[in-house]
Amino acid sequence: EVEIKYKPEVKPKDRPRVTMAMEAYKLIRPFFEGCLYHHEEAWVMLLNTSCKVLGVARLSVGNQEHTIIDPRTTLQLMIKTNAVNLIIFHNHPSQSLAFSPGDIKITKNMMEVCKLLNMNCLDHIIVGEDGYSSYSEEGY
C-alpha cells in the first residue's frame, strides 16, 4: 500500500511573490544593455486583453537627464498593434530608481489618456542595472 503526503517546505505566505512588474522587468531588461549608464531611453511593452505581450517598441532616446514619453505616439502604437494594455519603461543613467516629479506626471497623464479609449496603462517601470522601481507597486 502506498501513502502519499504533501507537505510543502515553504508555506504559501513565505514564498516570494512574483509580480507583473517583476516579470515585465525580466523581459525588457535586455533592451537597455547599451544605454543604462549613458543616456535615457523610453520603451513600451504592448499587451493584449490577456496581458500577453504583442510587442516591445522604443519610444525615444534622450540625454543624461531626460527622455520623451509622448502620449500620442504611445497611443498610436497601441492602436496599430491592437493592444489594450501598456507598460512604460525607462532608465535613469544615475541608477536612481526613484520616480521624479516628471515621471509621476507623465504616468498619470498616460493613465488618464488610455482610459479615454478603454485602454490601460498598467505600470511605469524604471529600469536599473540590478533592479527596478514600479509605479504601481510603489502605490502612487
C-alpha atoms as a PDB file:
ATOM      1  CA  GLU A   1       0.000   0.000   0.000  1.00  0.00           C
ATOM      2  CA  VAL A   2       1.257   3.496  -0.902  1.00  0.00           C
ATOM      3  CA  GLU A   3       0.687   6.535   1.229  1.00  0.00           C
ATOM      4  CA  ILE A   4       1.177   9.992  -0.235  1.00  0.00           C
ATOM      5  CA  LYS A   5       1.545  13.095   1.860  1.00  0.00           C
ATOM      6  CA  TYR A   6       2.071  16.618   0.628  1.00  0.00           C
ATOM      7  CA  LYS A   7       3.879  18.890   2.981  1.00  0.00           C
ATOM      8  CA  PRO A   8       5.417  21.867   1.236  1.00  0.00           C
ATOM      9  CA  GLU A   9       8.778  23.003   2.546  1.00  0.00           C
ATOM     10  CA  VAL A  10       7.845  26.643   2.141  1.00  0.00           C
ATOM     11  CA  LYS A  11       4.426  27.846   3.185  1.00  0.00           C
ATOM     12  CA  PRO A  12       2.492  29.985   0.689  1.00  0.00           C
ATOM     13  CA  LYS A  13       2.810  33.097   2.866  1.00  0.00           C
ATOM     14  CA  ASP A  14       6.613  32.695   2.889  1.00  0.00           C
ATOM     15  CA  ARG A  15       7.021  32.163  -0.859  1.00  0.00           C
ATOM     16  CA  PRO A  16       8.482  35.048  -2.862  1.00  0.00           C
ATOM     17  CA  ARG A  17       5.775  36.930  -4.715  1.00  0.00           C
ATOM     18  CA  VAL A  18       6.303  37.261  -8.445  1.00  0.00           C
ATOM     19  CA  THR A  19       4.583  40.385  -9.703  1.00  0.00           C
ATOM     20  CA  MET A  20       3.686  41.551 -13.174  1.00  0.00           C
ATOM     21  CA  ALA A  21       6.294  44.306 -12.820  1.00  0.00           C
ATOM     22  CA  MET A  22       8.979  41.768 -11.950  1.00  0.00           C
ATOM     23  CA  GLU A  23       8.133  39.585 -14.944  1.00  0.00           C
ATOM     24  CA  ALA A  24       7.985  42.611 -17.252  1.00  0.00           C
ATOM     25  CA  TYR A  25      11.369  43.810 -15.946  1.00  0.00           C
ATOM     26  CA  LYS A  26      12.939  40.431 -16.746  1.00  0.00           C
ATOM     27  CA  LEU A  27      11.611  40.626 -20.316  1.00  0.00           C
ATOM     28  CA  ILE A  28      12.548  44.252 -21.005  1.00  0.00           C
ATOM     29  CA  ARG A  29      15.924  44.469 -19.232  1.00  0.00           C
ATOM     30  CA  PRO A  30      17.987  43.220 -22.252  1.00  0.00           C
ATOM     31  CA  PHE A  31      16.678  46.092 -24.391  1.00  0.00           C
ATOM     32  CA  PHE A  32      18.521  48.553 -22.134  1.00  0.00           C
ATOM     33  CA  GLU A  33      22.003  46.980 -22.463  1.00  0.00           C
ATOM     34  CA  GLY A  34      23.580  49.795 -24.473  1.00  0.00           C
ATOM     35  CA  CYS A  35      22.190  52.751 -22.561  1.00  0.00           C
ATOM     36  CA  LEU A  36      21.842  52.056 -18.830  1.00  0.00           C
ATOM     37  CA  TYR A  37      24.670  54.393 -17.784  1.00  0.00           C
ATOM     38  CA  HIS A  38      24.920  56.558 -20.891  1.00  0.00           C
ATOM     39  CA  HIS A  39      21.536  58.089 -21.695  1.00  0.00           C
ATOM     40  CA  GLU A  40      17.829  57.664 -21.001  1.00  0.00           C
ATOM     41  CA  GLU A  41      15.618  55.616 -23.279  1.00  0.00           C
ATOM     42  CA  ALA A  42      11.873  55.061 -23.075  1.00  0.00           C
ATOM     43  CA  TRP A  43      10.289  51.799 -24.201  1.00  0.00           C
ATOM     44  CA  VAL A  44       6.775  50.376 -24.107  1.00  0.00           C
ATOM     45  CA  MET A  45       5.501  46.851 -23.834  1.00  0.00           C
ATOM     46  CA  LEU A  46       2.230  46.381 -25.693  1.00  0.00           C
ATOM     47  CA  LEU A  47      -0.157  43.760 -24.300  1.00  0.00           C
ATOM     48  CA  ASN A  48      -3.476  42.242 -25.337  1.00  0.00           C
ATOM     49  CA  THR A  49      -6.530  41.793 -23.098  1.00  0.00           C
ATOM     50  CA  SER A  50      -4.963  38.689 -21.507  1.00  0.00           C
ATOM     51  CA  CYS A  51      -1.745  40.636 -20.824  1.00  0.00           C
ATOM     52  CA  LYS A  52       0.152  38.581 -23.400  1.00  0.00           C
ATOM     53  CA  VAL A  53       2.986  40.538 -24.985  1.00  0.00           C
ATOM     54  CA  LEU A  54       2.208  41.736 -28.512  1.00  0.00           C
ATOM     55  CA  GLY A  55       5.445  43.650 -28.894  1.00  0.00           C
ATOM     56  CA  VAL A  56       8.041  45.978 -27.487  1.00  0.00           C
ATOM     57  CA  ALA A  57       8.854  49.350 -29.037  1.00  0.00           C
ATOM     58  CA  ARG A  58      11.309  52.132 -28.280  1.00  0.00           C
ATOM     59  CA  LEU A  59       9.554  55.475 -27.820  1.00  0.00           C
ATOM     60  CA  SER A  60      12.561  57.760 -27.590  1.00  0.00           C
ATOM     61  CA  VAL A  61      16.259  58.217 -26.947  1.00  0.00           C
ATOM     62  CA  GLY A  62      17.164  61.105 -24.696  1.00  0.00           C
ATOM     63  CA  ASN A  63      20.195  62.507 -22.939  1.00  0.00           C
ATOM     64  CA  GLN A  64      21.614  62.127 -19.409  1.00  0.00           C
ATOM     65  CA  GLU A  65      18.697  63.918 -17.742  1.00  0.00           C
ATOM     66  CA  HIS A  66      15.527  63.009 -19.611  1.00  0.00           C
ATOM     67  CA  THR A  67      13.739  61.376 -22.497  1.00  0.00           C
ATOM     68  CA  ILE A  68      10.330  61.991 -24.031  1.00  0.00           C
ATOM     69  CA  ILE A  69       7.294  59.811 -23.446  1.00  0.00           C
ATOM     70  CA  ASP A  70       4.711  61.197 -25.850  1.00  0.00           C
ATOM     71  CA  PRO A  71       1.106  60.045 -25.243  1.00  0.00           C
ATOM     72  CA  ARG A  72       0.144  60.468 -28.922  1.00  0.00           C
ATOM     73  CA  THR A  73       2.975  58.267 -30.159  1.00  0.00           C
ATOM     74  CA  THR A  74       2.248  55.710 -27.462  1.00  0.00           C
ATOM     75  CA  LEU A  75      -1.466  55.539 -28.279  1.00  0.00           C
ATOM     76  CA  GLN A  76      -0.650  55.280 -31.969  1.00  0.00           C
ATOM     77  CA  LEU A  77       1.467  52.205 -31.242  1.00  0.00           C
ATOM     78  CA  MET A  78      -1.318  50.708 -29.145  1.00  0.00           C
ATOM     79  CA  ILE A  79      -3.910  51.222 -31.863  1.00  0.00           C
ATOM     80  CA  LYS A  80      -1.643  49.864 -34.634  1.00  0.00           C
ATOM     81  CA  THR A  81      -0.907  46.698 -32.674  1.00  0.00           C
ATOM     82  CA  ASN A  82      -4.449  46.295 -31.311  1.00  0.00           C
ATOM     83  CA  ALA A  83      -3.042  46.482 -27.782  1.00  0.00           C
ATOM     84  CA  VAL A  84      -5.360  47.088 -24.855  1.00  0.00           C
ATOM     85  CA  ASN A  85      -2.740  47.262 -22.114  1.00  0.00           C
ATOM     86  CA  LEU A  86       0.581  49.025 -21.861  1.00  0.00           C
ATOM     87  CA  ILE A  87       3.617  49.141 -19.595  1.00  0.00           C
ATOM     88  CA  ILE A  88       6.073  52.050 -19.900  1.00  0.00           C
ATOM     89  CA  PHE A  89       9.779  51.590 -19.149  1.00  0.00           C
ATOM     90  CA  HIS A  90      12.686  53.982 -18.936  1.00  0.00           C
ATOM     91  CA  ASN A  91      16.084  54.104 -17.267  1.00  0.00           C
ATOM     92  CA  HIS A  92      17.952  56.668 -15.199  1.00  0.00           C
ATOM     93  CA  PRO A  93      21.681  56.812 -16.074  1.00  0.00           C
ATOM     94  CA  SER A  94      22.351  57.799 -12.447  1.00  0.00           C
ATOM     95  CA  GLN A  95      20.924  54.380 -11.489  1.00  0.00           C
ATOM     96  CA  SER A  96      18.493  56.077  -9.107  1.00  0.00           C
ATOM     97  CA  LEU A  97      15.270  54.086  -9.094  1.00  0.00           C
ATOM     98  CA  ALA A  98      13.252  56.951  -7.613  1.00  0.00           C
ATOM     99  CA  PHE A  99      10.424  58.459  -9.652  1.00  0.00           C
ATOM    100  CA  SER A 100      10.943  62.130 -10.447  1.00  0.00           C
ATOM    101  CA  PRO A 101       8.002  64.563 -10.371  1.00  0.00           C
ATOM    102  CA  GLY A 102       8.091  64.482 -14.203  1.00  0.00           C
ATOM    103  CA  ASP A 103       7.924  60.681 -14.214  1.00  0.00           C
ATOM    104  CA  ILE A 104       4.889  60.766 -11.934  1.00  0.00           C
ATOM    105  CA  LYS A 105       3.172  63.434 -14.043  1.00  0.00           C
ATOM    106  CA  ILE A 106       3.622  61.603 -17.360  1.00  0.00           C
ATOM    107  CA  THR A 107       2.431  58.336 -15.819  1.00  0.00           C
ATOM    108  CA  LYS A 108      -0.750  59.957 -14.500  1.00  0.00           C
ATOM    109  CA  ASN A 109      -1.321  61.591 -17.905  1.00  0.00           C
ATOM    110  CA  MET A 110      -0.834  58.286 -19.748  1.00  0.00           C
ATOM    111  CA  MET A 111      -3.250  56.516 -17.414  1.00  0.00           C
ATOM    112  CA  GLU A 112      -5.910  59.174 -17.997  1.00  0.00           C
ATOM    113  CA  VAL A 113      -5.428  59.237 -21.776  1.00  0.00           C
ATOM    114  CA  CYS A 114      -5.602  55.445 -22.006  1.00  0.00           C
ATOM    115  CA  LYS A 115      -8.870  55.397 -20.029  1.00  0.00           C
ATOM    116  CA  LEU A 116     -10.490  57.666 -22.634  1.00  0.00           C
ATOM    117  CA  LEU A 117     -10.015  54.916 -25.239  1.00  0.00           C
ATOM    118  CA  ASN A 118     -10.851  51.990 -22.921  1.00  0.00           C
ATOM    119  CA  MET A 119      -7.191  51.054 -22.731  1.00  0.00           C
ATOM    120  CA  ASN A 120      -4.950  50.650 -19.684  1.00  0.00           C
ATOM    121  CA  CYS A 121      -1.539  51.934 -18.724  1.00  0.00           C
ATOM    122  CA  LEU A 122      -0.774  49.186 -16.216  1.00  0.00           C
ATOM    123  CA  ASP A 123       2.566  50.426 -14.937  1.00  0.00           C
ATOM    124  CA  HIS A 124       5.622  52.604 -15.428  1.00  0.00           C
ATOM    125  CA  ILE A 125       8.877  50.897 -14.520  1.00  0.00           C
ATOM    126  CA  ILE A 126      12.269  52.488 -14.003  1.00  0.00           C
ATOM    127  CA  VAL A 127      14.924  50.028 -15.141  1.00  0.00           C
ATOM    128  CA  GLY A 128      18.244  49.797 -13.328  1.00  0.00           C
ATOM    129  CA  GLU A 129      21.326  47.607 -13.525  1.00  0.00           C
ATOM    130  CA  ASP A 130      20.275  45.291 -10.722  1.00  0.00           C
ATOM    131  CA  GLY A 131      16.642  46.107 -10.168  1.00  0.00           C
ATOM    132  CA  TYR A 132      13.615  48.179 -10.934  1.00  0.00           C
ATOM    133  CA  SER A 133      11.065  50.514  -9.427  1.00  0.00           C
ATOM    134  CA  SER A 134       7.385  50.115 -10.257  1.00  0.00           C
ATOM    135  CA  TYR A 135       4.855  52.940 -10.193  1.00  0.00           C
ATOM    136  CA  SER A 136       2.017  50.555  -9.294  1.00  0.00           C
ATOM    137  CA  GLU A 137       3.988  48.647  -6.651  1.00  0.00           C
ATOM    138  CA  GLU A 138       5.117  51.902  -5.026  1.00  0.00           C
ATOM    139  CA  GLY A 139       1.461  52.821  -4.601  1.00  0.00           C
ATOM    140  CA  TYR A 140       1.367  56.114  -6.495  1.00  0.00           C
END
